[in-house]
Amino acid sequence: TNDLNLLHIKLKEELSVKKILFVLDDFWHDNYVDWTSLILPL
């Protein structure tokens, strides 16, 4: 799916039960709205 809401739900389901280390390598984008959309389920 490319539906942002469905991806949020799937990520929340996976991440709520796991202790995870994420590396976001070579991050250039400084748009706050996009960052908020990415970080919300994390």
PDB file of all heavy atoms in Angstrom:
ATOM      1  N   THR A   1       0.835  -1.199   0.000  1.00  0.00           N
ATOM      2  CA  THR A   1       0.000   0.000   0.000  1.00  0.00           C
ATOM      3  C   THR A   1       0.871   1.252   0.000  1.00  0.00           C
ATOM      4  O   THR A   1       2.002   1.221   0.483  1.00  0.00           O
ATOM      5  CB  THR A   1      -0.936   0.037   1.229  1.00  0.00           C
ATOM      6  OG1 THR A   1      -1.758   1.203   1.138  1.00  0.00           O
ATOM      7  CG2 THR A   1      -0.154   0.050   2.526  1.00  0.00           C
ATOM      8  N   ASN A   2       0.335   2.318  -0.558  1.00  0.00           N
ATOM      9  CA  ASN A   2       0.980   3.626  -0.488  1.00  0.00           C
ATOM     10  C   ASN A   2       0.158   4.583   0.363  1.00  0.00           C
ATOM     11  O   ASN A   2       0.407   5.783   0.365  1.00  0.00           O
ATOM     12  CB  ASN A   2       1.162   4.215  -1.900  1.00  0.00           C
ATOM     13  CG  ASN A   2       2.274   3.534  -2.652  1.00  0.00           C
ATOM     14  OD1 ASN A   2       3.242   3.048  -2.061  1.00  0.00           O
ATOM     15  ND2 ASN A   2       2.143   3.467  -3.975  1.00  0.00           N
ATOM     16  N   ASP A   3      -0.800   4.026   1.083  1.00  0.00           N
ATOM     17  CA  ASP A   3      -1.662   4.827   1.939  1.00  0.00           C
ATOM     18  C   ASP A   3      -0.908   5.142   3.229  1.00  0.00           C
ATOM     19  O   ASP A   3      -0.549   4.236   3.997  1.00  0.00           O
ATOM     20  CB  ASP A   3      -2.947   4.061   2.231  1.00  0.00           C
ATOM     21  CG  ASP A   3      -3.909   4.879   3.076  1.00  0.00           C
ATOM     22  OD1 ASP A   3      -3.660   4.974   4.303  1.00  0.00           O
ATOM     23  OD2 ASP A   3      -4.883   5.423   2.517  1.00  0.00           O
ATOM     24  N   LEU A   4      -0.666   6.429   3.472  1.00  0.00           N
ATOM     25  CA  LEU A   4       0.119   6.863   4.625  1.00  0.00           C
ATOM     26  C   LEU A   4      -0.498   6.407   5.939  1.00  0.00           C
ATOM     27  O   LEU A   4       0.211   5.927   6.835  1.00  0.00           O
ATOM     28  CB  LEU A   4       0.267   8.387   4.602  1.00  0.00           C
ATOM     29  CG  LEU A   4       1.223   9.000   5.613  1.00  0.00           C
ATOM     30  CD1 LEU A   4       2.634   8.486   5.418  1.00  0.00           C
ATOM     31  CD2 LEU A   4       1.206  10.517   5.495  1.00  0.00           C
ATOM     32  N   ASN A   5      -1.798   6.497   6.056  1.00  0.00           N
ATOM     33  CA  ASN A   5      -2.463   6.089   7.294  1.00  0.00           C
ATOM     34  C   ASN A   5      -2.308   4.595   7.551  1.00  0.00           C
ATOM     35  O   ASN A   5      -2.032   4.172   8.677  1.00  0.00           O
ATOM     36  CB  ASN A   5      -3.944   6.482   7.256  1.00  0.00           C
ATOM     37  CG  ASN A   5      -4.604   6.306   8.602  1.00  0.00           C
ATOM     38  OD1 ASN A   5      -4.079   6.754   9.618  1.00  0.00           O
ATOM     39  ND2 ASN A   5      -5.739   5.625   8.612  1.00  0.00           N
ATOM     40  N   LEU A   6      -2.465   3.779   6.525  1.00  0.00           N
ATOM     41  CA  LEU A   6      -2.304   2.324   6.692  1.00  0.00           C
ATOM     42  C   LEU A   6      -0.865   1.972   7.064  1.00  0.00           C
ATOM     43  O   LEU A   6      -0.635   1.087   7.890  1.00  0.00           O
ATOM     44  CB  LEU A   6      -2.715   1.588   5.412  1.00  0.00           C
ATOM     45  CG  LEU A   6      -4.206   1.542   5.110  1.00  0.00           C
ATOM     46  CD1 LEU A   6      -4.454   0.866   3.767  1.00  0.00           C
ATOM     47  CD2 LEU A   6      -4.961   0.818   6.218  1.00  0.00           C
ATOM     48  N   LEU A   7       0.087   2.673   6.479  1.00  0.00           N
ATOM     49  CA  LEU A   7       1.493   2.439   6.827  1.00  0.00           C
ATOM     50  C   LEU A   7       1.754   2.830   8.287  1.00  0.00           C
ATOM     51  O   LEU A   7       2.476   2.125   9.001  1.00  0.00           O
ATOM     52  CB  LEU A   7       2.419   3.199   5.885  1.00  0.00           C
ATOM     53  CG  LEU A   7       2.479   2.669   4.452  1.00  0.00           C
ATOM     54  CD1 LEU A   7       3.228   3.635   3.548  1.00  0.00           C
ATOM     55  CD2 LEU A   7       3.132   1.298   4.413  1.00  0.00           C
ATOM     56  N   HIS A   8       1.169   3.921   8.724  1.00  0.00           N
ATOM     57  CA  HIS A   8       1.282   4.331  10.133  1.00  0.00           C
ATOM     58  C   HIS A   8       0.754   3.230  11.049  1.00  0.00           C
ATOM     59  O   HIS A   8       1.400   2.871  12.040  1.00  0.00           O
ATOM     60  CB  HIS A   8       0.511   5.621  10.388  1.00  0.00           C
ATOM     61  CG  HIS A   8       1.272   6.858  10.077  1.00  0.00           C
ATOM     62  ND1 HIS A   8       0.840   8.094  10.479  1.00  0.00           N
ATOM     63  CD2 HIS A   8       2.439   7.080   9.419  1.00  0.00           C
ATOM     64  CE1 HIS A   8       1.708   9.017  10.069  1.00  0.00           C
ATOM     65  NE2 HIS A   8       2.669   8.415   9.425  1.00  0.00           N
ATOM     66  N   ILE A   9      -0.411   2.693  10.717  1.00  0.00           N
ATOM     67  CA  ILE A   9      -1.036   1.651  11.542  1.00  0.00           C
ATOM     68  C   ILE A   9      -0.149   0.413  11.587  1.00  0.00           C
ATOM     69  O   ILE A   9       0.099  -0.149  12.659  1.00  0.00           O
ATOM     70  CB  ILE A   9      -2.453   1.312  11.015  1.00  0.00           C
ATOM     71  CG1 ILE A   9      -3.387   2.501  11.261  1.00  0.00           C
ATOM     72  CG2 ILE A   9      -2.988   0.047  11.664  1.00  0.00           C
ATOM     73  CD1 ILE A   9      -4.714   2.408  10.533  1.00  0.00           C
ATOM     74  N   LYS A  10       0.341  -0.013  10.429  1.00  0.00           N
ATOM     75  CA  LYS A  10       1.204  -1.208  10.381  1.00  0.00           C
ATOM     76  C   LYS A  10       2.482  -0.997  11.186  1.00  0.00           C
ATOM     77  O   LYS A  10       2.931  -1.887  11.907  1.00  0.00           O
ATOM     78  CB  LYS A  10       1.541  -1.570   8.936  1.00  0.00           C
ATOM     79  CG  LYS A  10       0.393  -2.166   8.170  1.00  0.00           C
ATOM     80  CD  LYS A  10       0.817  -2.564   6.768  1.00  0.00           C
ATOM     81  CE  LYS A  10      -0.361  -3.171   6.026  1.00  0.00           C
ATOM     82  NZ  LYS A  10       0.032  -3.762   4.750  1.00  0.00           N
ATOM     83  N   LEU A  11       3.071   0.177  11.048  1.00  0.00           N
ATOM     84  CA  LEU A  11       4.292   0.468  11.805  1.00  0.00           C
ATOM     85  C   LEU A  11       4.017   0.478  13.304  1.00  0.00           C
ATOM     86  O   LEU A  11       4.796  -0.079  14.089  1.00  0.00           O
ATOM     87  CB  LEU A  11       4.890   1.807  11.376  1.00  0.00           C
ATOM     88  CG  LEU A  11       5.898   1.763  10.242  1.00  0.00           C
ATOM     89  CD1 LEU A  11       6.266   3.165   9.805  1.00  0.00           C
ATOM     90  CD2 LEU A  11       7.142   1.001  10.633  1.00  0.00           C
ATOM     91  N   LYS A  12       2.936   1.106  13.713  1.00  0.00           N
ATOM     92  CA  LYS A  12       2.601   1.154  15.141  1.00  0.00           C
ATOM     93  C   LYS A  12       2.406  -0.249  15.699  1.00  0.00           C
ATOM     94  O   LYS A  12       2.835  -0.554  16.811  1.00  0.00           O
ATOM     95  CB  LYS A  12       1.357   2.008  15.369  1.00  0.00           C
ATOM     96  CG  LYS A  12       1.613   3.494  15.258  1.00  0.00           C
ATOM     97  CD  LYS A  12       0.345   4.288  15.503  1.00  0.00           C
ATOM     98  CE  LYS A  12       0.619   5.778  15.369  1.00  0.00           C
ATOM     99  NZ  LYS A  12      -0.583   6.585  15.618  1.00  0.00           N
ATOM    100  N   GLU A  13       1.742  -1.124  14.929  1.00  0.00           N
ATOM    101  CA  GLU A  13       1.525  -2.506  15.372  1.00  0.00           C
ATOM    102  C   GLU A  13       2.859  -3.218  15.583  1.00  0.00           C
ATOM    103  O   GLU A  13       3.066  -3.906  16.576  1.00  0.00           O
ATOM    104  CB  GLU A  13       0.686  -3.277  14.348  1.00  0.00           C
ATOM    105  CG  GLU A  13      -0.769  -2.888  14.323  1.00  0.00           C
ATOM    106  CD  GLU A  13      -1.524  -3.516  13.162  1.00  0.00           C
ATOM    107  OE1 GLU A  13      -0.915  -4.269  12.354  1.00  0.00           O
ATOM    108  OE2 GLU A  13      -2.742  -3.261  13.051  1.00  0.00           O
ATOM    109  N   GLU A  14       3.756  -3.064  14.642  1.00  0.00           N
ATOM    110  CA  GLU A  14       5.066  -3.728  14.724  1.00  0.00           C
ATOM    111  C   GLU A  14       5.919  -3.164  15.851  1.00  0.00           C
ATOM    112  O   GLU A  14       6.571  -3.898  16.577  1.00  0.00           O
ATOM    113  CB  GLU A  14       5.829  -3.570  13.404  1.00  0.00           C
ATOM    114  CG  GLU A  14       5.297  -4.394  12.268  1.00  0.00           C
ATOM    115  CD  GLU A  14       5.542  -5.881  12.438  1.00  0.00           C
ATOM    116  OE1 GLU A  14       6.566  -6.254  13.071  1.00  0.00           O
ATOM    117  OE2 GLU A  14       4.726  -6.670  11.955  1.00  0.00           O
ATOM    118  N   LEU A  15       5.930  -1.844  15.970  1.00  0.00           N
ATOM    119  CA  LEU A  15       6.885  -1.191  16.858  1.00  0.00           C
ATOM    120  C   LEU A  15       6.448  -1.141  18.312  1.00  0.00           C
ATOM    121  O   LEU A  15       7.285  -0.989  19.200  1.00  0.00           O
ATOM    122  CB  LEU A  15       7.165   0.223  16.357  1.00  0.00           C
ATOM    123  CG  LEU A  15       7.667   0.315  14.911  1.00  0.00           C
ATOM    124  CD1 LEU A  15       7.942   1.757  14.545  1.00  0.00           C
ATOM    125  CD2 LEU A  15       8.893  -0.533  14.706  1.00  0.00           C
ATOM    126  N   SER A  16       5.156  -1.277  18.568  1.00  0.00           N
ATOM    127  CA  SER A  16       4.694  -1.156  19.951  1.00  0.00           C
ATOM    128  C   SER A  16       5.150  -2.330  20.816  1.00  0.00           C
ATOM    129  O   SER A  16       5.133  -2.234  22.039  1.00  0.00           O
ATOM    130  CB  SER A  16       3.172  -1.024  19.994  1.00  0.00           C
ATOM    131  OG  SER A  16       2.573  -2.193  19.480  1.00  0.00           O
ATOM    132  N   VAL A  17       5.573  -3.417  20.200  1.00  0.00           N
ATOM    133  CA  VAL A  17       5.983  -4.603  20.966  1.00  0.00           C
ATOM    134  C   VAL A  17       7.476  -4.908  20.837  1.00  0.00           C
ATOM    135  O   VAL A  17       7.950  -5.900  21.365  1.00  0.00           O
ATOM    136  CB  VAL A  17       5.171  -5.843  20.544  1.00  0.00           C
ATOM    137  CG1 VAL A  17       3.697  -5.645  20.887  1.00  0.00           C
ATOM    138  CG2 VAL A  17       5.339  -6.128  19.065  1.00  0.00           C
ATOM    139  N   LYS A  18       8.227  -4.045  20.141  1.00  0.00           N
ATOM    140  CA  LYS A  18       9.646  -4.315  19.917  1.00  0.00           C
ATOM    141  C   LYS A  18      10.496  -3.121  20.323  1.00  0.00           C
ATOM    142  O   LYS A  18      10.127  -1.974  20.098  1.00  0.00           O
ATOM    143  CB  LYS A  18       9.911  -4.619  18.436  1.00  0.00           C
ATOM    144  CG  LYS A  18       9.282  -5.891  17.944  1.00  0.00           C
ATOM    145  CD  LYS A  18       9.594  -6.113  16.485  1.00  0.00           C
ATOM    146  CE  LYS A  18       8.940  -7.394  15.982  1.00  0.00           C
ATOM    147  NZ  LYS A  18       9.143  -7.555  14.540  1.00  0.00           N
ATOM    148  N   LYS A  19      11.656  -3.437  20.881  1.00  0.00           N
ATOM    149  CA  LYS A  19      12.660  -2.412  21.167  1.00  0.00           C
ATOM    150  C   LYS A  19      13.594  -2.403  19.953  1.00  0.00           C
ATOM    151  O   LYS A  19      14.291  -3.375  19.681  1.00  0.00           O
ATOM    152  CB  LYS A  19      13.431  -2.759  22.437  1.00  0.00           C
ATOM    153  CG  LYS A  19      14.309  -1.649  22.904  1.00  0.00           C
ATOM    154  CD  LYS A  19      15.024  -1.874  24.224  1.00  0.00           C
ATOM    155  CE  LYS A  19      14.783  -3.141  24.951  1.00  0.00           C
ATOM    156  NZ  LYS A  19      15.602  -3.315  26.147  1.00  0.00           N
ATOM    157  N   ILE A  20      13.591  -1.287  19.212  1.00  0.00           N
ATOM    158  CA  ILE A  20      14.244  -1.249  17.905  1.00  0.00           C
ATOM    159  C   ILE A  20      15.274  -0.137  17.839  1.00  0.00           C
ATOM    160  O   ILE A  20      15.084   0.954  18.372  1.00  0.00           O
ATOM    161  CB  ILE A  20      13.191  -1.054  16.790  1.00  0.00           C
ATOM    162  CG1 ILE A  20      12.192  -2.209  16.819  1.00  0.00           C
ATOM    163  CG2 ILE A  20      13.845  -0.968  15.425  1.00  0.00           C
ATOM    164  CD1 ILE A  20      11.060  -2.087  15.849  1.00  0.00           C
ATOM    165  N   LEU A  21      16.359  -0.433  17.147  1.00  0.00           N
ATOM    166  CA  LEU A  21      17.358   0.574  16.796  1.00  0.00           C
ATOM    167  C   LEU A  21      17.171   0.892  15.318  1.00  0.00           C
ATOM    168  O   LEU A  21      17.265   0.006  14.466  1.00  0.00           O
ATOM    169  CB  LEU A  21      18.780   0.058  17.033  1.00  0.00           C
ATOM    170  CG  LEU A  21      19.902   0.959  16.516  1.00  0.00           C
ATOM    171  CD1 LEU A  21      19.918   2.295  17.257  1.00  0.00           C
ATOM    172  CD2 LEU A  21      21.248   0.255  16.657  1.00  0.00           C
ATOM    173  N   PHE A  22      16.870   2.167  15.024  1.00  0.00           N
ATOM    174  CA  PHE A  22      16.750   2.632  13.647  1.00  0.00           C
ATOM    175  C   PHE A  22      17.958   3.494  13.319  1.00  0.00           C
ATOM    176  O   PHE A  22      18.365   4.321  14.129  1.00  0.00           O
ATOM    177  CB  PHE A  22      15.519   3.537  13.451  1.00  0.00           C
ATOM    178  CG  PHE A  22      14.215   2.858  13.671  1.00  0.00           C
ATOM    179  CD1 PHE A  22      13.535   3.014  14.871  1.00  0.00           C
ATOM    180  CD2 PHE A  22      13.662   2.075  12.689  1.00  0.00           C
ATOM    181  CE1 PHE A  22      12.321   2.398  15.086  1.00  0.00           C
ATOM    182  CE2 PHE A  22      12.446   1.452  12.891  1.00  0.00           C
ATOM    183  CZ  PHE A  22      11.773   1.613  14.090  1.00  0.00           C
ATOM    184  N   VAL A  23      18.499   3.327  12.128  1.00  0.00           N
ATOM    185  CA  VAL A  23      19.475   4.274  11.610  1.00  0.00           C
ATOM    186  C   VAL A  23      18.893   4.842  10.319  1.00  0.00           C
ATOM    187  O   VAL A  23      18.554   4.090   9.400  1.00  0.00           O
ATOM    188  CB  VAL A  23      20.854   3.629  11.332  1.00  0.00           C
ATOM    189  CG1 VAL A  23      21.788   4.634  10.683  1.00  0.00           C
ATOM    190  CG2 VAL A  23      21.462   3.086  12.623  1.00  0.00           C
ATOM    191  N   LEU A  24      18.748   6.153  10.285  1.00  0.00           N
ATOM    192  CA  LEU A  24      18.331   6.853   9.070  1.00  0.00           C
ATOM    193  C   LEU A  24      19.590   7.523   8.545  1.00  0.00           C
ATOM    194  O   LEU A  24      20.011   8.569   9.053  1.00  0.00           O
ATOM    195  CB  LEU A  24      17.220   7.856   9.365  1.00  0.00           C
ATOM    196  CG  LEU A  24      15.947   7.270   9.974  1.00  0.00           C
ATOM    197  CD1 LEU A  24      14.959   8.371  10.338  1.00  0.00           C
ATOM    198  CD2 LEU A  24      15.305   6.266   9.031  1.00  0.00           C
ATOM    199  N   ASP A  25      20.210   6.911   7.558  1.00  0.00           N
ATOM    200  CA  ASP A  25      21.529   7.313   7.083  1.00  0.00           C
ATOM    201  C   ASP A  25      21.430   8.332   5.951  1.00  0.00           C
ATOM    202  O   ASP A  25      20.654   8.155   5.016  1.00  0.00           O
ATOM    203  CB  ASP A  25      22.285   6.065   6.605  1.00  0.00           C
ATOM    204  CG  ASP A  25      23.728   6.338   6.252  1.00  0.00           C
ATOM    205  OD1 ASP A  25      24.336   7.257   6.833  1.00  0.00           O
ATOM    206  OD2 ASP A  25      24.264   5.624   5.378  1.00  0.00           O
ATOM    207  N   ASP A  26      22.230   9.373   6.056  1.00  0.00           N
ATOM    208  CA  ASP A  26      22.342  10.415   5.028  1.00  0.00           C
ATOM    209  C   ASP A  26      21.025  11.161   4.837  1.00  0.00           C
ATOM    210  O   ASP A  26      20.498  11.278   3.746  1.00  0.00           O
ATOM    211  CB  ASP A  26      22.836   9.816   3.706  1.00  0.00           C
ATOM    212  CG  ASP A  26      23.470  10.871   2.808  1.00  0.00           C
ATOM    213  OD1 ASP A  26      23.896  11.922   3.320  1.00  0.00           O
ATOM    214  OD2 ASP A  26      23.539  10.643   1.588  1.00  0.00           O
ATOM    215  N   PHE A  27      20.520  11.683   5.934  1.00  0.00           N
ATOM    216  CA  PHE A  27      19.240  12.393   5.965  1.00  0.00           C
ATOM    217  C   PHE A  27      19.479  13.864   5.621  1.00  0.00           C
ATOM    218  O   PHE A  27      20.197  14.554   6.324  1.00  0.00           O
ATOM    219  CB  PHE A  27      18.644  12.272   7.379  1.00  0.00           C
ATOM    220  CG  PHE A  27      17.168  12.478   7.460  1.00  0.00           C
ATOM    221  CD1 PHE A  27      16.323  11.408   7.618  1.00  0.00           C
ATOM    222  CD2 PHE A  27      16.623  13.750   7.397  1.00  0.00           C
ATOM    223  CE1 PHE A  27      14.942  11.587   7.725  1.00  0.00           C
ATOM    224  CE2 PHE A  27      15.257  13.941   7.496  1.00  0.00           C
ATOM    225  CZ  PHE A  27      14.414  12.855   7.654  1.00  0.00           C
ATOM    226  N   TRP A  28      18.876  14.348   4.554  1.00  0.00           N
ATOM    227  CA  TRP A  28      19.072  15.725   4.083  1.00  0.00           C
ATOM    228  C   TRP A  28      17.845  16.598   4.288  1.00  0.00           C
ATOM    229  O   TRP A  28      17.938  17.808   4.416  1.00  0.00           O
ATOM    230  CB  TRP A  28      19.369  15.727   2.583  1.00  0.00           C
ATOM    231  CG  TRP A  28      20.700  15.207   2.184  1.00  0.00           C
ATOM    232  CD1 TRP A  28      21.129  13.915   2.264  1.00  0.00           C
ATOM    233  CD2 TRP A  28      21.783  15.947   1.626  1.00  0.00           C
ATOM    234  NE1 TRP A  28      22.403  13.820   1.786  1.00  0.00           N
ATOM    235  CE2 TRP A  28      22.830  15.057   1.378  1.00  0.00           C
ATOM    236  CE3 TRP A  28      21.947  17.293   1.304  1.00  0.00           C
ATOM    237  CZ2 TRP A  28      24.032  15.452   0.833  1.00  0.00           C
ATOM    238  CZ3 TRP A  28      23.140  17.684   0.744  1.00  0.00           C
ATOM    239  CH2 TRP A  28      24.179  16.770   0.522  1.00  0.00           C
ATOM    240  N   HIS A  29      16.692  15.984   4.258  1.00  0.00           N
ATOM    241  CA  HIS A  29      15.411  16.686   4.164  1.00  0.00           C
ATOM    242  C   HIS A  29      15.075  17.399   5.469  1.00  0.00           C
ATOM    243  O   HIS A  29      14.962  16.770   6.510  1.00  0.00           O
ATOM    244  CB  HIS A  29      14.336  15.655   3.814  1.00  0.00           C
ATOM    245  CG  HIS A  29      13.066  16.224   3.314  1.00  0.00           C
ATOM    246  ND1 HIS A  29      12.950  16.883   2.109  1.00  0.00           N
ATOM    247  CD2 HIS A  29      11.827  16.224   3.851  1.00  0.00           C
ATOM    248  CE1 HIS A  29      11.706  17.249   1.935  1.00  0.00           C
ATOM    249  NE2 HIS A  29      11.008  16.863   2.966  1.00  0.00           N
ATOM    250  N   ASP A  30      14.883  18.718   5.429  1.00  0.00           N
ATOM    251  CA  ASP A  30      14.596  19.457   6.661  1.00  0.00           C
ATOM    252  C   ASP A  30      13.192  20.059   6.682  1.00  0.00           C
ATOM    253  O   ASP A  30      12.958  21.107   7.251  1.00  0.00           O
ATOM    254  CB  ASP A  30      15.655  20.524   6.930  1.00  0.00           C
ATOM    255  CG  ASP A  30      15.737  21.587   5.850  1.00  0.00           C
ATOM    256  OD1 ASP A  30      14.978  21.496   4.857  1.00  0.00           O
ATOM    257  OD2 ASP A  30      16.550  22.514   5.992  1.00  0.00           O
ATOM    258  N   ASN A  31      12.236  19.340   6.097  1.00  0.00           N
ATOM    259  CA  ASN A  31      10.844  19.769   6.113  1.00  0.00           C
ATOM    260  C   ASN A  31      10.173  19.186   7.359  1.00  0.00           C
ATOM    261  O   ASN A  31      10.043  17.968   7.502  1.00  0.00           O
ATOM    262  CB  ASN A  31      10.132  19.297   4.843  1.00  0.00           C
ATOM    263  CG  ASN A  31       8.691  19.738   4.807  1.00  0.00           C
ATOM    264  OD1 ASN A  31       7.882  19.362   5.660  1.00  0.00           O
ATOM    265  ND2 ASN A  31       8.361  20.546   3.811  1.00  0.00           N
ATOM    266  N   TYR A  32       9.750  20.050   8.266  1.00  0.00           N
ATOM    267  CA  TYR A  32       9.205  19.620   9.551  1.00  0.00           C
ATOM    268  C   TYR A  32       7.940  18.772   9.402  1.00  0.00           C
ATOM    269  O   TYR A  32       7.732  17.809  10.134  1.00  0.00           O
ATOM    270  CB  TYR A  32       8.942  20.835  10.451  1.00  0.00           C
ATOM    271  CG  TYR A  32       8.482  20.444  11.827  1.00  0.00           C
ATOM    272  CD1 TYR A  32       9.385  19.956  12.759  1.00  0.00           C
ATOM    273  CD2 TYR A  32       7.139  20.544  12.183  1.00  0.00           C
ATOM    274  CE1 TYR A  32       8.967  19.566  14.025  1.00  0.00           C
ATOM    275  CE2 TYR A  32       6.717  20.171  13.445  1.00  0.00           C
ATOM    276  CZ  TYR A  32       7.636  19.682  14.357  1.00  0.00           C
ATOM    277  OH  TYR A  32       7.219  19.302  15.606  1.00  0.00           O
ATOM    278  N   VAL A  33       7.080  19.127   8.463  1.00  0.00           N
ATOM    279  CA  VAL A  33       5.827  18.383   8.268  1.00  0.00           C
ATOM    280  C   VAL A  33       6.135  16.951   7.850  1.00  0.00           C
ATOM    281  O   VAL A  33       5.560  15.988   8.383  1.00  0.00           O
ATOM    282  CB  VAL A  33       4.919  19.085   7.237  1.00  0.00           C
ATOM    283  CG1 VAL A  33       3.703  18.233   6.909  1.00  0.00           C
ATOM    284  CG2 VAL A  33       4.498  20.460   7.745  1.00  0.00           C
ATOM    285  N   ASP A  34       7.063  16.787   6.903  1.00  0.00           N
ATOM    286  CA  ASP A  34       7.442  15.436   6.462  1.00  0.00           C
ATOM    287  C   ASP A  34       8.087  14.651   7.601  1.00  0.00           C
ATOM    288  O   ASP A  34       7.830  13.457   7.783  1.00  0.00           O
ATOM    289  CB  ASP A  34       8.406  15.504   5.272  1.00  0.00           C
ATOM    290  CG  ASP A  34       7.717  15.961   3.997  1.00  0.00           C
ATOM    291  OD1 ASP A  34       6.467  15.931   3.944  1.00  0.00           O
ATOM    292  OD2 ASP A  34       8.429  16.353   3.052  1.00  0.00           O
ATOM    293  N   TRP A  35       8.965  15.325   8.379  1.00  0.00           N
ATOM    294  CA  TRP A  35       9.615  14.653   9.501  1.00  0.00           C
ATOM    295  C   TRP A  35       8.567  14.188  10.516  1.00  0.00           C
ATOM    296  O   TRP A  35       8.620  13.057  11.003  1.00  0.00           O
ATOM    297  CB  TRP A  35      10.631  15.579  10.175  1.00  0.00           C
ATOM    298  CG  TRP A  35      11.105  15.034  11.492  1.00  0.00           C
ATOM    299  CD1 TRP A  35      10.839  15.533  12.723  1.00  0.00           C
ATOM    300  CD2 TRP A  35      11.892  13.864  11.692  1.00  0.00           C
ATOM    301  NE1 TRP A  35      11.420  14.743  13.691  1.00  0.00           N
ATOM    302  CE2 TRP A  35      12.076  13.707  13.083  1.00  0.00           C
ATOM    303  CE3 TRP A  35      12.455  12.919  10.835  1.00  0.00           C
ATOM    304  CZ2 TRP A  35      12.804  12.654  13.632  1.00  0.00           C
ATOM    305  CZ3 TRP A  35      13.184  11.869  11.396  1.00  0.00           C
ATOM    306  CH2 TRP A  35      13.351  11.737  12.765  1.00  0.00           C
ATOM    307  N   THR A  36       7.589  15.037  10.824  1.00  0.00           N
ATOM    308  CA  THR A  36       6.546  14.679  11.784  1.00  0.00           C
ATOM    309  C   THR A  36       5.752  13.478  11.298  1.00  0.00           C
ATOM    310  O   THR A  36       5.423  12.575  12.068  1.00  0.00           O
ATOM    311  CB  THR A  36       5.603  15.884  12.022  1.00  0.00           C
ATOM    312  OG1 THR A  36       6.387  16.989  12.474  1.00  0.00           O
ATOM    313  CG2 THR A  36       4.549  15.567  13.056  1.00  0.00           C
ATOM    314  N   SER A  37       5.476  13.439  10.014  1.00  0.00           N
ATOM    315  CA  SER A  37       4.737  12.325   9.436  1.00  0.00           C
ATOM    316  C   SER A  37       5.531  11.020   9.557  1.00  0.00           C
ATOM    317  O   SER A  37       4.956   9.949   9.773  1.00  0.00           O
ATOM    318  CB  SER A  37       4.425  12.624   7.969  1.00  0.00           C
ATOM    319  OG  SER A  37       3.659  11.591   7.415  1.00  0.00           O
ATOM    320  N   LEU A  38       6.837  11.105   9.428  1.00  0.00           N
ATOM    321  CA  LEU A  38       7.683   9.912   9.533  1.00  0.00           C
ATOM    322  C   LEU A  38       7.832   9.469  10.988  1.00  0.00           C
ATOM    323  O   LEU A  38       7.749   8.283  11.305  1.00  0.00           O
ATOM    324  CB  LEU A  38       9.067  10.186   8.936  1.00  0.00           C
ATOM    325  CG  LEU A  38      10.096   9.069   9.096  1.00  0.00           C
ATOM    326  CD1 LEU A  38       9.649   7.810   8.363  1.00  0.00           C
ATOM    327  CD2 LEU A  38      11.450   9.524   8.592  1.00  0.00           C
ATOM    328  N   ILE A  39       8.049  10.409  11.890  1.00  0.00           N
ATOM    329  CA  ILE A  39       8.369  10.072  13.278  1.00  0.00           C
ATOM    330  C   ILE A  39       7.154   9.622  14.069  1.00  0.00           C
ATOM    331  O   ILE A  39       7.280   8.859  15.040  1.00  0.00           O
ATOM    332  CB  ILE A  39       9.083  11.255  13.985  1.00  0.00           C
ATOM    333  CG1 ILE A  39       9.756  10.818  15.295  1.00  0.00           C
ATOM    334  CG2 ILE A  39       8.132  12.381  14.258  1.00  0.00           C
ATOM    335  CD1 ILE A  39      10.914   9.907  15.126  1.00  0.00           C
ATOM    336  N   LEU A  40       5.961  10.050  13.684  1.00  0.00           N
ATOM    337  CA  LEU A  40       4.740   9.752  14.442  1.00  0.00           C
ATOM    338  C   LEU A  40       4.590   8.270  14.796  1.00  0.00           C
ATOM    339  O   LEU A  40       4.450   7.928  15.971  1.00  0.00           O
ATOM    340  CB  LEU A  40       3.518  10.270  13.686  1.00  0.00           C
ATOM    341  CG  LEU A  40       2.193  10.181  14.410  1.00  0.00           C
ATOM    342  CD1 LEU A  40       2.187  11.095  15.631  1.00  0.00           C
ATOM    343  CD2 LEU A  40       1.062  10.557  13.474  1.00  0.00           C
ATOM    344  N   PRO A  41       4.643   7.352  13.834  1.00  0.00           N
ATOM    345  CA  PRO A  41       4.486   5.941  14.218  1.00  0.00           C
ATOM    346  C   PRO A  41       5.726   5.375  14.918  1.00  0.00           C
ATOM    347  O   PRO A  41       5.635   4.392  15.636  1.00  0.00           O
ATOM    348  CB  PRO A  41       4.242   5.228  12.886  1.00  0.00           C
ATOM    349  CG  PRO A  41       4.835   6.110  11.866  1.00  0.00           C
ATOM    350  CD  PRO A  41       4.698   7.512  12.384  1.00  0.00           C
ATOM    351  N   LEU A  42       6.882   5.987  14.735  1.00  0.00           N
ATOM    352  CA  LEU A  42       8.099   5.493  15.369  1.00  0.00           C
ATOM    353  C   LEU A  42       8.117   5.807  16.860  1.00  0.00           C
ATOM    354  O   LEU A  42       8.776   5.131  17.645  1.00  0.00           O
ATOM    355  CB  LEU A  42       9.336   6.093  14.702  1.00  0.00           C
ATOM    356  CG  LEU A  42       9.480   5.880  13.199  1.00  0.00           C
ATOM    357  CD1 LEU A  42      10.792   6.476  12.701  1.00  0.00           C
ATOM    358  CD2 LEU A  42       9.400   4.415  12.831  1.00  0.00           C
TER     359      LEU A  42
END
